[in-house]
Amino acid sequence: MEKKFDSISRCLLVLSAIVFLLFYLVLAFYNRPASDDILYISILKDKSLIQYVHWFYETWSGRWASYFYFYNIVTLTSSFENIHYGVFLYYCISLFILLYSFNTIISIGIKKIFNVIIDIKTSLLYS
């Protein structure tokens, strides 16, 4: 009975992870820039990468790494009409970085706390 419960709970966990990824990707694709994104894009189109990051440094914004990342993704598109493809790529890369980070934290944390090495599928599922 307990074995059956474990397999059902694992299937439900896999299903919820798949549904989350599906919803995340659909929302990421249909997301459109907001007013502050349009401001950043308008600033971005007139400046080089160094000027762009320097502008935010002078205006007391501390997210230089994220602006560097945003600049590189958005400059891949040539016109504002296709900006949603760049934004979708931005969200996909962000999701990959988040999954990699959580996977690393979970793997190292379980190894340090419980002295057990878990397989990659389990750690990715919980990530």
Protein backbone atom coordinates (compact mmCIF):
# COMPACT_ATOMS: atom_id res chain seq x y z
CA MET A 1 0.00 0.00 0.00
CA GLU A 2 2.79 2.41 0.89
CA LYS A 3 4.60 1.62 -2.38
CA LYS A 4 1.46 2.47 -4.34
CA PHE A 5 1.09 5.74 -2.43
CA ASP A 6 4.72 6.66 -3.21
CA SER A 7 4.26 6.02 -6.91
CA ILE A 8 1.03 8.05 -7.02
CA SER A 9 2.60 10.96 -5.18
CA ARG A 10 5.63 10.88 -7.48
CA CYS A 11 3.38 10.87 -10.57
CA LEU A 12 1.43 13.83 -9.18
CA LEU A 13 4.67 15.67 -8.48
CA VAL A 14 5.89 15.04 -12.04
CA LEU A 15 2.52 16.15 -13.43
CA SER A 16 2.56 19.37 -11.40
CA ALA A 17 6.11 20.13 -12.58
CA ILE A 18 5.11 19.59 -16.22
CA VAL A 19 1.99 21.74 -15.86
CA PHE A 20 4.04 24.49 -14.18
CA LEU A 21 6.58 24.47 -17.02
CA LEU A 22 3.81 24.52 -19.61
CA PHE A 23 2.04 27.48 -17.99
CA TYR A 24 5.35 29.29 -17.47
CA LEU A 25 6.34 28.93 -21.13
CA VAL A 26 2.89 29.98 -22.40
CA LEU A 27 2.89 33.06 -20.17
CA ALA A 28 6.48 33.86 -21.11
CA PHE A 29 5.67 33.72 -24.81
CA TYR A 30 2.57 35.90 -24.57
CA ASN A 31 4.11 38.40 -22.16
CA ARG A 32 4.52 41.91 -23.56
CA PRO A 33 6.77 44.69 -22.30
CA ALA A 34 5.38 47.05 -19.66
CA SER A 35 6.07 50.77 -19.34
CA ASP A 36 9.40 50.40 -17.53
CA ASP A 37 10.51 47.74 -20.05
CA ILE A 38 9.71 50.13 -22.89
CA LEU A 39 11.77 52.81 -21.13
CA TYR A 40 14.73 50.44 -20.78
CA ILE A 41 14.41 49.35 -24.40
CA SER A 42 14.31 52.97 -25.61
CA ILE A 43 17.43 53.73 -23.58
CA LEU A 44 19.01 50.52 -24.84
CA LYS A 45 18.55 51.28 -28.54
CA ASP A 46 20.58 54.51 -28.37
CA LYS A 47 23.53 53.25 -26.31
CA SER A 48 26.26 50.66 -26.38
CA LEU A 49 26.47 48.01 -23.67
CA ILE A 50 28.98 49.98 -21.59
CA GLN A 51 26.96 53.20 -21.91
CA TYR A 52 23.77 51.34 -20.99
CA VAL A 53 25.18 49.83 -17.80
CA HIS A 54 26.96 53.11 -16.97
CA TRP A 55 23.68 55.02 -17.29
CA PHE A 56 22.08 52.78 -14.66
CA TYR A 57 25.18 53.08 -12.49
CA GLU A 58 24.87 56.87 -12.53
CA THR A 59 21.15 56.75 -11.75
CA TRP A 60 21.78 54.70 -8.58
CA SER A 61 20.38 51.42 -9.77
CA GLY A 62 22.14 48.39 -8.33
CA ARG A 63 20.97 45.73 -10.77
CA TRP A 64 23.85 46.07 -13.24
CA ALA A 65 24.14 42.35 -13.93
CA SER A 66 20.45 42.03 -14.77
CA TYR A 67 20.63 45.09 -17.06
CA PHE A 68 23.68 43.57 -18.76
CA TYR A 69 21.71 40.34 -19.24
CA PHE A 70 18.60 42.22 -20.47
CA TYR A 71 20.68 44.26 -22.92
CA ASN A 72 22.21 41.17 -24.50
CA ILE A 73 18.86 39.44 -24.94
CA VAL A 74 16.93 42.44 -26.25
CA THR A 75 19.59 43.46 -28.78
CA LEU A 76 19.02 40.13 -30.53
CA THR A 77 15.78 41.51 -32.00
CA SER A 78 15.97 44.17 -34.68
CA SER A 79 12.55 45.77 -34.24
CA PHE A 80 10.11 46.41 -31.44
CA GLU A 81 7.47 44.26 -33.14
CA ASN A 82 9.56 41.13 -32.54
CA ILE A 83 10.57 42.03 -29.00
CA HIS A 84 8.36 39.30 -27.50
CA TYR A 85 10.71 36.68 -28.96
CA GLY A 86 13.59 38.28 -27.09
CA VAL A 87 11.50 38.48 -23.92
CA PHE A 88 10.56 34.79 -24.32
CA LEU A 89 14.23 33.90 -24.67
CA TYR A 90 14.95 36.01 -21.58
CA TYR A 91 12.39 34.04 -19.55
CA CYS A 92 13.63 30.68 -20.84
CA ILE A 93 17.22 31.46 -19.91
CA SER A 94 16.08 32.78 -16.52
CA LEU A 95 14.15 29.56 -15.90
CA PHE A 96 17.20 27.48 -16.85
CA ILE A 97 19.40 29.47 -14.46
CA LEU A 98 16.80 29.10 -11.69
CA LEU A 99 16.52 25.33 -12.21
CA TYR A 100 20.29 24.94 -12.29
CA SER A 101 20.65 26.96 -9.08
CA PHE A 102 17.94 25.07 -7.20
CA ASN A 103 19.27 21.74 -8.45
CA THR A 104 22.73 22.60 -7.17
CA ILE A 105 21.42 23.83 -3.81
CA ILE A 106 19.24 20.75 -3.32
CA SER A 107 21.98 18.31 -4.32
CA ILE A 108 24.62 19.90 -2.12
CA GLY A 109 22.20 20.48 0.76
CA ILE A 110 21.00 16.88 0.87
CA LYS A 111 24.56 15.59 0.61
CA LYS A 112 25.74 17.83 3.47
CA ILE A 113 22.73 17.36 5.77
CA PHE A 114 21.83 13.71 5.21
CA ASN A 115 25.07 12.41 3.66
CA VAL A 116 23.07 10.92 0.76
CA ILE A 117 23.61 11.44 -2.95
CA ILE A 118 20.32 11.74 -4.85
CA ASP A 119 19.94 11.04 -8.54
CA ILE A 120 19.68 13.87 -11.06
CA LYS A 121 16.02 13.15 -11.94
CA THR A 122 14.89 13.53 -8.36
CA SER A 123 16.84 16.72 -7.74
CA LEU A 124 15.56 18.24 -11.00
CA LEU A 125 12.01 17.27 -10.11
CA TYR A 126 12.22 19.03 -6.76
CA SER A 127 13.97 21.99 -8.38
